[in-house]
Amino acid sequence: ENAKLAVPSNPQDWLADRKARLTIALKRLARAARNGTIPHGSIEDGTLRIDRLTADVPDGAEVLILDLYRRMPSVRITDMLLEVDAALGFTDAF
């Protein structure tokens, strides 16, 4: 199978498309700013403010997370780095 990227082979075409999309999006933002209807945001003293997202955590997730952490082996990052370097020999290249 001959997979192809979903982008034009000419970078100028891709850039032109992205510039056009950005222009449209900025016009929508400007219109929303004038109307005071920026979704989940506002402009205060000339600064764009975006509302903080809140996590949508299902019930029982905290217990599951703690259980998963308990099951993971306790390994210091420095020990892991030394083990990976011993297997790959990365630092031998320097």
PDB file of N, CA and C in Angstrom:
ATOM      1  N   GLU A   1       0.849  -1.177   0.000  1.00  0.00           N
ATOM      2  CA  GLU A   1       0.000   0.000   0.000  1.00  0.00           C
ATOM      3  C   GLU A   1       0.893   1.237   0.000  1.00  0.00           C
ATOM      4  N   ASN A   2       0.489   2.201  -0.765  1.00  0.00           N
ATOM      5  CA  ASN A   2       1.273   3.421  -0.914  1.00  0.00           C
ATOM      6  C   ASN A   2       0.580   4.551  -0.158  1.00  0.00           C
ATOM      7  N   ALA A   3       0.945   4.728   1.112  1.00  0.00           N
ATOM      8  CA  ALA A   3       0.317   5.763   1.938  1.00  0.00           C
ATOM      9  C   ALA A   3       0.808   7.142   1.524  1.00  0.00           C
ATOM     10  N   LYS A   4      -0.104   8.090   1.516  1.00  0.00           N
ATOM     11  CA  LYS A   4       0.249   9.467   1.170  1.00  0.00           C
ATOM     12  C   LYS A   4      -0.167  10.382   2.308  1.00  0.00           C
ATOM     13  N   LEU A   5       0.624  11.418   2.501  1.00  0.00           N
ATOM     14  CA  LEU A   5       0.261  12.415   3.496  1.00  0.00           C
ATOM     15  C   LEU A   5      -0.885  13.264   2.968  1.00  0.00           C
ATOM     16  N   ALA A   6      -1.730  13.701   3.879  1.00  0.00           N
ATOM     17  CA  ALA A   6      -2.882  14.516   3.490  1.00  0.00           C
ATOM     18  C   ALA A   6      -2.507  15.991   3.456  1.00  0.00           C
ATOM     19  N   VAL A   7      -1.350  16.293   2.879  1.00  0.00           N
ATOM     20  CA  VAL A   7      -0.899  17.675   2.719  1.00  0.00           C
ATOM     21  C   VAL A   7      -0.412  17.854   1.293  1.00  0.00           C
ATOM     22  N   PRO A   8      -0.516  19.057   0.763  1.00  0.00           N
ATOM     23  CA  PRO A   8      -0.025  19.291  -0.594  1.00  0.00           C
ATOM     24  C   PRO A   8       1.493  19.115  -0.656  1.00  0.00           C
ATOM     25  N   SER A   9       1.980  18.689  -1.797  1.00  0.00           N
ATOM     26  CA  SER A   9       3.430  18.511  -1.948  1.00  0.00           C
ATOM     27  C   SER A   9       4.144  19.854  -2.060  1.00  0.00           C
ATOM     28  N   ASN A  10       3.415  20.892  -2.422  1.00  0.00           N
ATOM     29  CA  ASN A  10       3.999  22.228  -2.531  1.00  0.00           C
ATOM     30  C   ASN A  10       3.779  22.964  -1.205  1.00  0.00           C
ATOM     31  N   PRO A  11       4.857  23.313  -0.491  1.00  0.00           N
ATOM     32  CA  PRO A  11       4.687  23.974   0.807  1.00  0.00           C
ATOM     33  C   PRO A  11       3.975  25.317   0.711  1.00  0.00           C
ATOM     34  N   GLN A  12       4.107  26.004  -0.405  1.00  0.00           N
ATOM     35  CA  GLN A  12       3.430  27.300  -0.555  1.00  0.00           C
ATOM     36  C   GLN A  12       1.915  27.128  -0.546  1.00  0.00           C
ATOM     37  N   ASP A  13       1.434  26.038  -1.150  1.00  0.00           N
ATOM     38  CA  ASP A  13      -0.007  25.765  -1.128  1.00  0.00           C
ATOM     39  C   ASP A  13      -0.482  25.513   0.303  1.00  0.00           C
ATOM     40  N   TRP A  14       0.306  24.743   1.054  1.00  0.00           N
ATOM     41  CA  TRP A  14      -0.051  24.440   2.438  1.00  0.00           C
ATOM     42  C   TRP A  14      -0.065  25.716   3.269  1.00  0.00           C
ATOM     43  N   LEU A  15       0.968  26.555   3.105  1.00  0.00           N
ATOM     44  CA  LEU A  15       1.037  27.810   3.853  1.00  0.00           C
ATOM     45  C   LEU A  15      -0.127  28.733   3.504  1.00  0.00           C
ATOM     46  N   ALA A  16      -0.468  28.807   2.225  1.00  0.00           N
ATOM     47  CA  ALA A  16      -1.588  29.657   1.802  1.00  0.00           C
ATOM     48  C   ALA A  16      -2.886  29.187   2.452  1.00  0.00           C
ATOM     49  N   ASP A  17      -3.090  27.870   2.498  1.00  0.00           N
ATOM     50  CA  ASP A  17      -4.286  27.321   3.131  1.00  0.00           C
ATOM     51  C   ASP A  17      -4.312  27.655   4.618  1.00  0.00           C
ATOM     52  N   ARG A  18      -3.196  27.501   5.303  1.00  0.00           N
ATOM     53  CA  ARG A  18      -3.133  27.790   6.739  1.00  0.00           C
ATOM     54  C   ARG A  18      -3.348  29.275   7.012  1.00  0.00           C
ATOM     55  N   LYS A  19      -2.791  30.134   6.161  1.00  0.00           N
ATOM     56  CA  LYS A  19      -2.998  31.577   6.332  1.00  0.00           C
ATOM     57  C   LYS A  19      -4.466  31.935   6.156  1.00  0.00           C
ATOM     58  N   ALA A  20      -5.117  31.319   5.164  1.00  0.00           N
ATOM     59  CA  ALA A  20      -6.536  31.585   4.932  1.00  0.00           C
ATOM     60  C   ALA A  20      -7.370  31.126   6.124  1.00  0.00           C
ATOM     61  N   ARG A  21      -7.065  29.944   6.654  1.00  0.00           N
ATOM     62  CA  ARG A  21      -7.797  29.441   7.818  1.00  0.00           C
ATOM     63  C   ARG A  21      -7.587  30.341   9.035  1.00  0.00           C
ATOM     64  N   LEU A  22      -6.343  30.795   9.226  1.00  0.00           N
ATOM     65  CA  LEU A  22      -6.037  31.675  10.354  1.00  0.00           C
ATOM     66  C   LEU A  22      -6.778  32.998  10.221  1.00  0.00           C
ATOM     67  N   THR A  23      -6.823  33.547   9.018  1.00  0.00           N
ATOM     68  CA  THR A  23      -7.531  34.805   8.776  1.00  0.00           C
ATOM     69  C   THR A  23      -9.007  34.669   9.127  1.00  0.00           C
ATOM     70  N   ILE A  24      -9.628  33.577   8.695  1.00  0.00           N
ATOM     71  CA  ILE A  24     -11.044  33.339   8.991  1.00  0.00           C
ATOM     72  C   ILE A  24     -11.256  33.216  10.499  1.00  0.00           C
ATOM     73  N   ALA A  25     -10.390  32.456  11.169  1.00  0.00           N
ATOM     74  CA  ALA A  25     -10.530  32.257  12.614  1.00  0.00           C
ATOM     75  C   ALA A  25     -10.336  33.565  13.372  1.00  0.00           C
ATOM     76  N   LEU A  26      -9.376  34.378  12.946  1.00  0.00           N
ATOM     77  CA  LEU A  26      -9.142  35.658  13.622  1.00  0.00           C
ATOM     78  C   LEU A  26     -10.305  36.619  13.412  1.00  0.00           C
ATOM     79  N   LYS A  27     -10.931  36.579  12.241  1.00  0.00           N
ATOM     80  CA  LYS A  27     -12.113  37.413  11.997  1.00  0.00           C
ATOM     81  C   LYS A  27     -13.270  36.983  12.897  1.00  0.00           C
ATOM     82  N   ARG A  28     -13.440  35.652  13.063  1.00  0.00           N
ATOM     83  CA  ARG A  28     -14.485  35.154  13.967  1.00  0.00           C
ATOM     84  C   ARG A  28     -14.215  35.591  15.398  1.00  0.00           C
ATOM     85  N   LEU A  29     -12.943  35.518  15.809  1.00  0.00           N
ATOM     86  CA  LEU A  29     -12.576  35.941  17.159  1.00  0.00           C
ATOM     87  C   LEU A  29     -12.829  37.434  17.345  1.00  0.00           C
ATOM     88  N   ALA A  30     -12.472  38.242  16.353  1.00  0.00           N
ATOM     89  CA  ALA A  30     -12.679  39.689  16.447  1.00  0.00           C
ATOM     90  C   ALA A  30     -14.168  40.013  16.562  1.00  0.00           C
ATOM     91  N   ARG A  31     -14.995  39.315  15.787  1.00  0.00           N
ATOM     92  CA  ARG A  31     -16.444  39.533  15.844  1.00  0.00           C
ATOM     93  C   ARG A  31     -16.981  39.145  17.228  1.00  0.00           C
ATOM     94  N   ALA A  32     -16.524  38.007  17.751  1.00  0.00           N
ATOM     95  CA  ALA A  32     -16.963  37.573  19.081  1.00  0.00           C
ATOM     96  C   ALA A  32     -16.484  38.547  20.153  1.00  0.00           C
ATOM     97  N   ALA A  33     -15.285  39.087  19.981  1.00  0.00           N
ATOM     98  CA  ALA A  33     -14.752  40.052  20.957  1.00  0.00           C
ATOM     99  C   ALA A  33     -15.597  41.319  20.961  1.00  0.00           C
ATOM    100  N   ARG A  34     -15.969  41.800  19.772  1.00  0.00           N
ATOM    101  CA  ARG A  34     -16.812  43.003  19.686  1.00  0.00           C
ATOM    102  C   ARG A  34     -18.170  42.776  20.349  1.00  0.00           C
ATOM    103  N   ASN A  35     -18.696  41.557  20.190  1.00  0.00           N
ATOM    104  CA  ASN A  35     -20.017  41.234  20.737  1.00  0.00           C
ATOM    105  C   ASN A  35     -19.959  40.753  22.182  1.00  0.00           C
ATOM    106  N   GLY A  36     -18.745  40.547  22.703  1.00  0.00           N
ATOM    107  CA  GLY A  36     -18.604  40.020  24.059  1.00  0.00           C
ATOM    108  C   GLY A  36     -19.049  38.580  24.181  1.00  0.00           C
ATOM    109  N   THR A  37     -18.872  37.819  23.101  1.00  0.00           N
ATOM    110  CA  THR A  37     -19.353  36.433  23.090  1.00  0.00           C
ATOM    111  C   THR A  37     -18.245  35.423  22.803  1.00  0.00           C
ATOM    112  N   ILE A  38     -17.039  35.691  23.281  1.00  0.00           N
ATOM    113  CA  ILE A  38     -15.955  34.722  23.085  1.00  0.00           C
ATOM    114  C   ILE A  38     -16.287  33.488  23.923  1.00  0.00           C
ATOM    115  N   PRO A  39     -16.392  32.318  23.284  1.00  0.00           N
ATOM    116  CA  PRO A  39     -16.732  31.112  24.049  1.00  0.00           C
ATOM    117  C   PRO A  39     -15.670  30.808  25.106  1.00  0.00           C
ATOM    118  N   HIS A  40     -16.094  30.702  26.342  1.00  0.00           N
ATOM    119  CA  HIS A  40     -15.202  30.360  27.458  1.00  0.00           C
ATOM    120  C   HIS A  40     -14.038  31.336  27.595  1.00  0.00           C
ATOM    121  N   GLY A  41     -14.273  32.594  27.270  1.00  0.00           N
ATOM    122  CA  GLY A  41     -13.212  33.579  27.399  1.00  0.00           C
ATOM    123  C   GLY A  41     -13.743  34.994  27.327  1.00  0.00           C
ATOM    124  N   SER A  42     -12.825  35.944  27.448  1.00  0.00           N
ATOM    125  CA  SER A  42     -13.183  37.358  27.378  1.00  0.00           C
ATOM    126  C   SER A  42     -11.923  38.161  27.092  1.00  0.00           C
ATOM    127  N   ILE A  43     -12.125  39.439  26.808  1.00  0.00           N
ATOM    128  CA  ILE A  43     -10.993  40.345  26.661  1.00  0.00           C
ATOM    129  C   ILE A  43     -11.099  41.360  27.783  1.00  0.00           C
ATOM    130  N   GLU A  44     -10.055  41.389  28.628  1.00  0.00           N
ATOM    131  CA  GLU A  44     -10.026  42.292  29.773  1.00  0.00           C
ATOM    132  C   GLU A  44      -8.781  43.156  29.681  1.00  0.00           C
ATOM    133  N   ASP A  45      -8.980  44.455  29.653  1.00  0.00           N
ATOM    134  CA  ASP A  45      -7.864  45.408  29.549  1.00  0.00           C
ATOM    135  C   ASP A  45      -6.963  45.087  28.362  1.00  0.00           C
ATOM    136  N   GLY A  46      -7.577  44.707  27.250  1.00  0.00           N
ATOM    137  CA  GLY A  46      -6.812  44.424  26.035  1.00  0.00           C
ATOM    138  C   GLY A  46      -6.119  43.077  26.016  1.00  0.00           C
ATOM    139  N   THR A  47      -6.392  42.227  27.005  1.00  0.00           N
ATOM    140  CA  THR A  47      -5.752  40.914  27.079  1.00  0.00           C
ATOM    141  C   THR A  47      -6.804  39.824  26.928  1.00  0.00           C
ATOM    142  N   LEU A  48      -6.523  38.860  26.060  1.00  0.00           N
ATOM    143  CA  LEU A  48      -7.424  37.728  25.877  1.00  0.00           C
ATOM    144  C   LEU A  48      -7.301  36.803  27.081  1.00  0.00           C
ATOM    145  N   ARG A  49      -8.410  36.546  27.743  1.00  0.00           N
ATOM    146  CA  ARG A  49      -8.450  35.655  28.904  1.00  0.00           C
ATOM    147  C   ARG A  49      -9.279  34.427  28.534  1.00  0.00           C
ATOM    148  N   ILE A  50      -8.727  33.264  28.757  1.00  0.00           N
ATOM    149  CA  ILE A  50      -9.422  32.012  28.479  1.00  0.00           C
ATOM    150  C   ILE A  50      -9.761  31.356  29.811  1.00  0.00           C
ATOM    151  N   ASP A  51     -11.020  30.923  29.953  1.00  0.00           N
ATOM    152  CA  ASP A  51     -11.440  30.255  31.182  1.00  0.00           C
ATOM    153  C   ASP A  51     -10.647  28.964  31.378  1.00  0.00           C
ATOM    154  N   ARG A  52     -10.295  28.698  32.618  1.00  0.00           N
ATOM    155  CA  ARG A  52      -9.572  27.470  32.951  1.00  0.00           C
ATOM    156  C   ARG A  52     -10.507  26.275  32.745  1.00  0.00           C
ATOM    157  N   LEU A  53      -9.974  25.232  32.137  1.00  0.00           N
ATOM    158  CA  LEU A  53     -10.749  24.013  31.952  1.00  0.00           C
ATOM    159  C   LEU A  53     -10.805  23.240  33.263  1.00  0.00           C
ATOM    160  N   THR A  54     -11.916  22.585  33.470  1.00  0.00           N
ATOM    161  CA  THR A  54     -12.027  21.730  34.646  1.00  0.00           C
ATOM    162  C   THR A  54     -12.011  20.279  34.184  1.00  0.00           C
ATOM    163  N   ALA A  55     -11.349  19.452  34.955  1.00  0.00           N
ATOM    164  CA  ALA A  55     -11.253  18.039  34.603  1.00  0.00           C
ATOM    165  C   ALA A  55     -12.592  17.359  34.856  1.00  0.00           C
ATOM    166  N   ASP A  56     -12.985  16.517  33.934  1.00  0.00           N
ATOM    167  CA  ASP A  56     -14.204  15.736  34.081  1.00  0.00           C
ATOM    168  C   ASP A  56     -13.777  14.322  34.475  1.00  0.00           C
ATOM    169  N   VAL A  57     -13.592  14.121  35.775  1.00  0.00           N
ATOM    170  CA  VAL A  57     -13.071  12.850  36.284  1.00  0.00           C
ATOM    171  C   VAL A  57     -14.238  11.983  36.742  1.00  0.00           C
ATOM    172  N   PRO A  58     -14.332  10.777  36.185  1.00  0.00           N
ATOM    173  CA  PRO A  58     -15.441   9.906  36.595  1.00  0.00           C
ATOM    174  C   PRO A  58     -15.291   9.436  38.041  1.00  0.00           C
ATOM    175  N   ASP A  59     -16.419   9.089  38.650  1.00  0.00           N
ATOM    176  CA  ASP A  59     -16.398   8.555  40.014  1.00  0.00           C
ATOM    177  C   ASP A  59     -15.532   7.301  40.056  1.00  0.00           C
ATOM    178  N   GLY A  60     -14.740   7.175  41.099  1.00  0.00           N
ATOM    179  CA  GLY A  60     -13.900   5.995  41.258  1.00  0.00           C
ATOM    180  C   GLY A  60     -12.545   6.095  40.592  1.00  0.00           C
ATOM    181  N   ALA A  61     -12.306   7.160  39.846  1.00  0.00           N
ATOM    182  CA  ALA A  61     -11.032   7.291  39.133  1.00  0.00           C
ATOM    183  C   ALA A  61      -9.867   7.449  40.098  1.00  0.00           C
ATOM    184  N   GLU A  62     -10.077   8.190  41.178  1.00  0.00           N
ATOM    185  CA  GLU A  62      -8.993   8.406  42.146  1.00  0.00           C
ATOM    186  C   GLU A  62      -8.517   7.077  42.731  1.00  0.00           C
ATOM    187  N   VAL A  63      -9.455   6.215  43.082  1.00  0.00           N
ATOM    188  CA  VAL A  63      -9.104   4.913  43.647  1.00  0.00           C
ATOM    189  C   VAL A  63      -8.333   4.088  42.627  1.00  0.00           C
ATOM    190  N   LEU A  64      -8.774   4.115  41.380  1.00  0.00           N
ATOM    191  CA  LEU A  64      -8.101   3.377  40.314  1.00  0.00           C
ATOM    192  C   LEU A  64      -6.682   3.895  40.099  1.00  0.00           C
ATOM    193  N   ILE A  65      -6.514   5.207  40.095  1.00  0.00           N
ATOM    194  CA  ILE A  65      -5.188   5.808  39.898  1.00  0.00           C
ATOM    195  C   ILE A  65      -4.239   5.378  41.008  1.00  0.00           C
ATOM    196  N   LEU A  66      -4.700   5.450  42.243  1.00  0.00           N
ATOM    197  CA  LEU A  66      -3.855   5.043  43.367  1.00  0.00           C
ATOM    198  C   LEU A  66      -3.501   3.561  43.289  1.00  0.00           C
ATOM    199  N   ASP A  67      -4.455   2.737  42.872  1.00  0.00           N
ATOM    200  CA  ASP A  67      -4.195   1.305  42.723  1.00  0.00           C
ATOM    201  C   ASP A  67      -3.139   1.055  41.649  1.00  0.00           C
ATOM    202  N   LEU A  68      -3.237   1.772  40.542  1.00  0.00           N
ATOM    203  CA  LEU A  68      -2.250   1.603  39.470  1.00  0.00           C
ATOM    204  C   LEU A  68      -0.862   2.024  39.923  1.00  0.00           C
ATOM    205  N   TYR A  69      -0.765   3.116  40.658  1.00  0.00           N
ATOM    206  CA  TYR A  69       0.539   3.559  41.169  1.00  0.00           C
ATOM    207  C   TYR A  69       1.136   2.536  42.130  1.00  0.00           C
ATOM    208  N   ARG A  70       0.296   1.921  42.951  1.00  0.00           N
ATOM    209  CA  ARG A  70       0.794   0.900  43.885  1.00  0.00           C
ATOM    210  C   ARG A  70       1.349  -0.306  43.134  1.00  0.00           C
ATOM    211  N   ARG A  71       0.779  -0.623  41.984  1.00  0.00           N
ATOM    212  CA  ARG A  71       1.208  -1.793  41.212  1.00  0.00           C
ATOM    213  C   ARG A  71       2.496  -1.552  40.428  1.00  0.00           C
ATOM    214  N   MET A  72       2.829  -0.300  40.184  1.00  0.00           N
ATOM    215  CA  MET A  72       4.033   0.001  39.404  1.00  0.00           C
ATOM    216  C   MET A  72       5.272  -0.210  40.258  1.00  0.00           C
ATOM    217  N   PRO A  73       6.331  -0.756  39.642  1.00  0.00           N
ATOM    218  CA  PRO A  73       7.561  -0.949  40.413  1.00  0.00           C
ATOM    219  C   PRO A  73       8.182   0.393  40.788  1.00  0.00           C
ATOM    220  N   SER A  74       8.818   0.416  41.935  1.00  0.00           N
ATOM    221  CA  SER A  74       9.464   1.628  42.404  1.00  0.00           C
ATOM    222  C   SER A  74      10.883   1.672  41.843  1.00  0.00           C
ATOM    223  N   VAL A  75      11.114   2.541  40.879  1.00  0.00           N
ATOM    224  CA  VAL A  75      12.418   2.647  40.224  1.00  0.00           C
ATOM    225  C   VAL A  75      12.832   4.113  40.213  1.00  0.00           C
ATOM    226  N   ARG A  76      14.070   4.368  40.609  1.00  0.00           N
ATOM    227  CA  ARG A  76      14.579   5.735  40.529  1.00  0.00           C
ATOM    228  C   ARG A  76      14.907   6.046  39.073  1.00  0.00           C
ATOM    229  N   ILE A  77      14.630   7.262  38.643  1.00  0.00           N
ATOM    230  CA  ILE A  77      14.850   7.645  37.248  1.00  0.00           C
ATOM    231  C   ILE A  77      16.315   7.517  36.868  1.00  0.00           C
ATOM    232  N   THR A  78      17.217   7.811  37.791  1.00  0.00           N
ATOM    233  CA  THR A  78      18.647   7.704  37.473  1.00  0.00           C
ATOM    234  C   THR A  78      19.042   6.256  37.208  1.00  0.00           C
ATOM    235  N   ASP A  79      18.467   5.320  37.971  1.00  0.00           N
ATOM    236  CA  ASP A  79      18.754   3.903  37.728  1.00  0.00           C
ATOM    237  C   ASP A  79      18.226   3.470  36.367  1.00  0.00           C
ATOM    238  N   MET A  80      17.045   3.956  36.015  1.00  0.00           N
ATOM    239  CA  MET A  80      16.470   3.605  34.724  1.00  0.00           C
ATOM    240  C   MET A  80      17.319   4.161  33.579  1.00  0.00           C
ATOM    241  N   LEU A  81      17.783   5.400  33.726  1.00  0.00           N
ATOM    242  CA  LEU A  81      18.624   6.001  32.688  1.00  0.00           C
ATOM    243  C   LEU A  81      19.926   5.227  32.515  1.00  0.00           C
ATOM    244  N   LEU A  82      20.530   4.814  33.624  1.00  0.00           N
ATOM    245  CA  LEU A  82      21.762   4.026  33.542  1.00  0.00           C
ATOM    246  C   LEU A  82      21.515   2.689  32.857  1.00  0.00           C
ATOM    247  N   GLU A  83      20.395   2.055  33.140  1.00  0.00           N
ATOM    248  CA  GLU A  83      20.061   0.774  32.520  1.00  0.00           C
ATOM    249  C   GLU A  83      19.844   0.927  31.015  1.00  0.00           C
ATOM    250  N   VAL A  84      19.134   1.966  30.626  1.00  0.00           N
ATOM    251  CA  VAL A  84      18.894   2.211  29.200  1.00  0.00           C
ATOM    252  C   VAL A  84      20.203   2.527  28.492  1.00  0.00           C
ATOM    253  N   ASP A  85      21.054   3.335  29.125  1.00  0.00           N
ATOM    254  CA  ASP A  85      22.342   3.662  28.516  1.00  0.00           C
ATOM    255  C   ASP A  85      23.215   2.422  28.378  1.00  0.00           C
ATOM    256  N   ALA A  86      23.180   1.536  29.364  1.00  0.00           N
ATOM    257  CA  ALA A  86      23.965   0.303  29.280  1.00  0.00           C
ATOM    258  C   ALA A  86      23.498  -0.556  28.111  1.00  0.00           C
ATOM    259  N   ALA A  87      22.200  -0.568  27.856  1.00  0.00           N
ATOM    260  CA  ALA A  87      21.664  -1.371  26.755  1.00  0.00           C
ATOM    261  C   ALA A  87      21.933  -0.736  25.399  1.00  0.00           C
ATOM    262  N   LEU A  88      21.899   0.594  25.328  1.00  0.00           N
ATOM    263  CA  LEU A  88      22.034   1.284  24.041  1.00  0.00           C
ATOM    264  C   LEU A  88      23.434   1.802  23.769  1.00  0.00           C
ATOM    265  N   GLY A  89      24.203   2.055  24.808  1.00  0.00           N
ATOM    266  CA  GLY A  89      25.547   2.591  24.621  1.00  0.00           C
ATOM    267  C   GLY A  89      25.561   4.019  24.117  1.00  0.00           C
ATOM    268  N   PHE A  90      24.548   4.782  24.457  1.00  0.00           N
ATOM    269  CA  PHE A  90      24.426   6.150  23.950  1.00  0.00           C
ATOM    270  C   PHE A  90      25.612   7.018  24.350  1.00  0.00           C
ATOM    271  N   THR A  91      25.993   6.977  25.618  1.00  0.00           N
ATOM    272  CA  THR A  91      27.068   7.864  26.071  1.00  0.00           C
ATOM    273  C   THR A  91      28.436   7.454  25.531  1.00  0.00           C
ATOM    274  N   ASP A  92      28.548   6.246  24.979  1.00  0.00           N
ATOM    275  CA  ASP A  92      29.814   5.832  24.359  1.00  0.00           C
ATOM    276  C   ASP A  92      30.116   6.654  23.113  1.00  0.00           C
ATOM    277  N   ALA A  93      29.101   7.302  22.567  1.00  0.00           N
ATOM    278  CA  ALA A  93      29.282   8.090  21.341  1.00  0.00           C
ATOM    279  C   ALA A  93      29.909   9.444  21.628  1.00  0.00           C
ATOM    280  N   PHE A  94      30.121   9.779  22.895  1.00  0.00           N
ATOM    281  CA  PHE A  94      30.654  11.101  23.232  1.00  0.00           C
ATOM    282  C   PHE A  94      32.005  11.006  23.868  1.00  0.00           C
TER     283      PHE A  94
END
